[in-house]
Every structure is written in C-alpha cells, then in structure tokens.
C-alpha cells in the first residue's frame, strides 16, 4: 500500500469543502476509508478515484454561429 492516508480534514481541504462533506461520504459508504483504531483515514488514491468517477465531462455540440444582422 503506497497511498498516503489522509485525515478527514486533509481530504476536505483537497476537495475544497468543509470536513462535514467527507464525513458524510464515509457515513454513506460512498468513498473507501480505513479505520485505524477509532481514527478514520481516506487513502489518497480513493479520493482521486472519487473525483474521477464524479467528474462530469462537457457536452460538445456542433452549434452554428449566429450571424450578426447588419
């Protein structure tokens, strides 16, 4: 295991959220986590996977350019 284990606060900082969001992800079992005694840690790779899975790609369409009416 080469992933660094992040605290909830560190994971929140990387996500740009408060600590409440990663805690909710853990409670809902939506992200992989590790229990070390009573401490909860999130592997850095699991956080990267969560971001990759939840990244929404833009829709590319072939829209015609509107011509300015002179």
Protein backbone atom coordinates (compact mmCIF):
# COMPACT_ATOMS: atom_id res chain seq x y z
CA UNK A 1 0.00 0.00 0.00
CA UNK A 2 1.68 3.16 -1.17
CA UNK A 3 -1.21 5.57 -0.79
CA UNK A 4 -0.87 8.25 1.83
CA UNK A 5 -3.69 8.11 4.38
CA UNK A 6 -5.42 11.46 4.73
CA UNK A 7 -7.34 12.74 7.71
CA UNK A 8 -10.89 13.89 7.13
CA UNK A 9 -9.70 17.48 7.42
CA UNK A 10 -6.95 16.93 4.81
CA UNK A 11 -9.43 15.28 2.44
CA UNK A 12 -11.81 18.20 2.90
CA UNK A 13 -9.04 20.66 2.12
CA UNK A 14 -8.16 18.82 -1.11
CA UNK A 15 -11.84 18.77 -2.11
CA UNK A 16 -12.27 22.42 -1.19
CA UNK A 17 -15.08 21.66 1.25
CA UNK A 18 -15.66 21.56 4.96
CA UNK A 19 -14.92 18.39 6.95
CA UNK A 20 -18.64 17.66 7.01
CA UNK A 21 -18.68 16.56 3.34
CA UNK A 22 -16.03 13.78 3.59
CA UNK A 23 -17.63 12.65 6.85
CA UNK A 24 -20.95 12.31 5.03
CA UNK A 25 -19.26 10.36 2.20
CA UNK A 26 -17.86 7.99 4.82
CA UNK A 27 -21.18 7.63 6.65
CA UNK A 28 -22.98 6.87 3.37
CA UNK A 29 -20.18 4.46 2.32
CA UNK A 30 -19.65 6.43 -0.91
CA UNK A 31 -15.85 6.53 -0.55
CA UNK A 32 -13.25 3.99 0.52
CA UNK A 33 -11.89 4.60 4.01
CA UNK A 34 -9.65 2.92 6.56
CA UNK A 35 -10.28 2.66 10.27
CA UNK A 36 -7.12 2.86 12.34
CA UNK A 37 -8.39 2.19 15.81
CA UNK A 38 -11.02 4.85 16.30
CA UNK A 39 -9.47 7.13 13.68
CA UNK A 40 -10.79 7.28 10.13
CA UNK A 41 -8.43 7.84 7.21
CA UNK A 42 -9.05 8.18 3.48
CA UNK A 43 -6.44 6.79 1.08
CA UNK A 44 -5.22 9.44 -1.33
CA UNK A 45 -5.93 7.12 -4.28
CA UNK A 46 -9.53 6.60 -3.13
CA UNK A 47 -10.02 10.35 -3.08
CA UNK A 48 -8.57 10.63 -6.61
CA UNK A 49 -10.88 7.80 -7.76
CA UNK A 50 -13.90 9.52 -6.20
CA UNK A 51 -13.06 12.74 -8.03
CA UNK A 52 -12.51 10.91 -11.35
CA UNK A 53 -15.79 8.97 -11.11
CA UNK A 54 -17.77 12.10 -10.26
CA UNK A 55 -16.19 14.36 -12.88
CA UNK A 56 -18.75 15.40 -15.48
CA UNK A 57 -17.45 15.98 -18.97
CA UNK A 58 -18.94 18.83 -21.02
CA UNK A 59 -21.27 18.07 -23.90
CA UNK A 60 -19.76 19.05 -27.23
CA UNK A 61 -22.25 20.10 -29.87
CA UNK A 62 -21.91 21.48 -33.36
CA UNK A 63 -23.79 24.70 -32.95
CA UNK A 64 -23.96 27.13 -35.78
CA UNK A 65 -22.56 30.53 -35.12
CA UNK A 66 -25.15 33.23 -35.16
CA UNK A 67 -24.53 35.83 -37.81
CA UNK A 68 -24.89 39.45 -36.87
CA UNK A 69 -27.66 41.15 -38.78
CA UNK A 70 -26.34 44.35 -40.37
